[in-house]
């Protein structure tokens, strides 16, 4: 398993932000982000190591992408999803 932490800057003004992706079956309420003491939005999830995961942020009902994503894949809605690629587990 691999721990992913998603971070959005304090410049994001919102009442609610969620990380939505194939790792949570695109459930719009499964992974809420919380603001830390510096105003950054953060959420952490465990996923399989060596995976490729598509995701987006749902910010007060608006979809936004991660500007530091590993890649971007076209989606079925005419836009793009952010992609994060996790490292495979080291072999022993």
Protein backbone atom coordinates (compact mmCIF):
# COMPACT_ATOMS: atom_id res chain seq x y z
CA UNK A 1 0.00 0.00 0.00
CA UNK A 2 0.98 3.61 -0.56
CA UNK A 3 -0.19 6.76 1.22
CA UNK A 4 -1.16 9.71 -0.98
CA UNK A 5 -1.63 13.18 0.43
CA UNK A 6 -3.48 15.67 -1.75
CA UNK A 7 -2.75 19.34 -1.09
CA UNK A 8 -4.35 22.49 -2.46
CA UNK A 9 -2.98 25.95 -1.66
CA UNK A 10 -4.52 28.37 0.78
CA UNK A 11 -5.52 30.50 -2.23
CA UNK A 12 -8.51 28.19 -2.75
CA UNK A 13 -11.45 29.96 -1.20
CA UNK A 14 -14.21 27.41 -0.61
CA UNK A 15 -16.66 26.09 1.94
CA UNK A 16 -15.98 22.47 0.95
CA UNK A 17 -13.45 20.60 -1.16
CA UNK A 18 -13.42 16.87 -1.94
CA UNK A 19 -10.93 14.62 -3.71
CA UNK A 20 -12.88 12.50 -6.16
CA UNK A 21 -11.31 9.75 -8.26
CA UNK A 22 -11.26 6.20 -9.41
CA UNK A 23 -9.73 5.17 -6.04
CA UNK A 24 -13.07 6.04 -4.39
CA UNK A 25 -15.33 5.15 -7.34
CA UNK A 26 -15.84 8.86 -8.11
CA UNK A 27 -17.89 9.25 -4.94
CA UNK A 28 -18.27 13.02 -4.54
CA UNK A 29 -18.46 12.83 -0.74
CA UNK A 30 -16.00 10.03 0.11
CA UNK A 31 -12.82 12.07 0.68
CA UNK A 32 -13.34 15.55 2.15
CA UNK A 33 -10.34 17.84 2.43
CA UNK A 34 -9.62 19.79 5.61
CA UNK A 35 -7.83 23.10 5.97
CA UNK A 36 -4.71 23.10 8.14
CA UNK A 37 -3.50 25.98 10.33
CA UNK A 38 -1.90 27.64 7.27
CA UNK A 39 -5.07 27.43 5.18
CA UNK A 40 -3.90 24.62 2.89
CA UNK A 41 -6.48 22.00 1.96
CA UNK A 42 -5.33 18.43 2.66
CA UNK A 43 -6.61 14.86 2.47
CA UNK A 44 -4.80 11.54 2.71
CA UNK A 45 -5.77 8.14 1.34
CA UNK A 46 -4.09 4.74 1.04
CA UNK A 47 -3.98 3.12 -2.39
CA UNK A 48 -2.16 0.21 -4.02
CA UNK A 49 1.51 0.92 -4.76
CA UNK A 50 2.44 0.98 -8.45
CA UNK A 51 -0.96 2.30 -9.52
CA UNK A 52 -2.14 5.03 -11.86
CA UNK A 53 -5.09 6.97 -10.46
CA UNK A 54 -7.30 9.58 -12.10
CA UNK A 55 -8.86 12.23 -9.89
CA UNK A 56 -10.24 15.76 -9.69
CA UNK A 57 -11.16 18.16 -6.92
CA UNK A 58 -14.77 19.14 -6.31
CA UNK A 59 -14.61 22.66 -4.92
CA UNK A 60 -18.00 24.09 -3.89
CA UNK A 61 -19.57 22.14 -6.76
CA UNK A 62 -16.95 23.13 -9.37
CA UNK A 63 -14.47 20.61 -10.79
CA UNK A 64 -10.81 21.66 -10.76
CA UNK A 65 -7.60 19.85 -11.61
CA UNK A 66 -4.35 19.56 -9.73
CA UNK A 67 -1.75 21.79 -11.37
CA UNK A 68 1.01 19.51 -10.07
CA UNK A 69 -0.44 16.23 -11.36
CA UNK A 70 1.84 13.63 -12.93
CA UNK A 71 -0.29 13.66 -16.11
CA UNK A 72 -3.72 14.58 -17.46
CA UNK A 73 -6.07 12.15 -19.23
CA UNK A 74 -9.07 13.18 -21.32
CA UNK A 75 -12.40 12.35 -19.72
CA UNK A 76 -15.84 11.61 -21.17
CA UNK A 77 -17.07 15.15 -20.44
CA UNK A 78 -14.76 17.08 -22.76
CA UNK A 79 -12.25 17.94 -20.07
CA UNK A 80 -9.29 16.29 -18.41
CA UNK A 81 -8.68 14.38 -15.19
CA UNK A 82 -5.57 14.81 -13.11
CA UNK A 83 -3.42 11.69 -12.79
CA UNK A 84 -1.14 10.54 -9.99
CA UNK A 85 1.24 7.60 -10.44
CA UNK A 86 2.46 5.81 -7.33
CA UNK A 87 5.84 4.11 -7.14
CA UNK A 88 5.86 0.32 -7.06
CA UNK A 89 6.84 -1.34 -3.82
CA UNK A 90 10.57 -1.95 -3.61
CA UNK A 91 11.55 -5.56 -4.21
CA UNK A 92 13.25 -7.36 -1.40
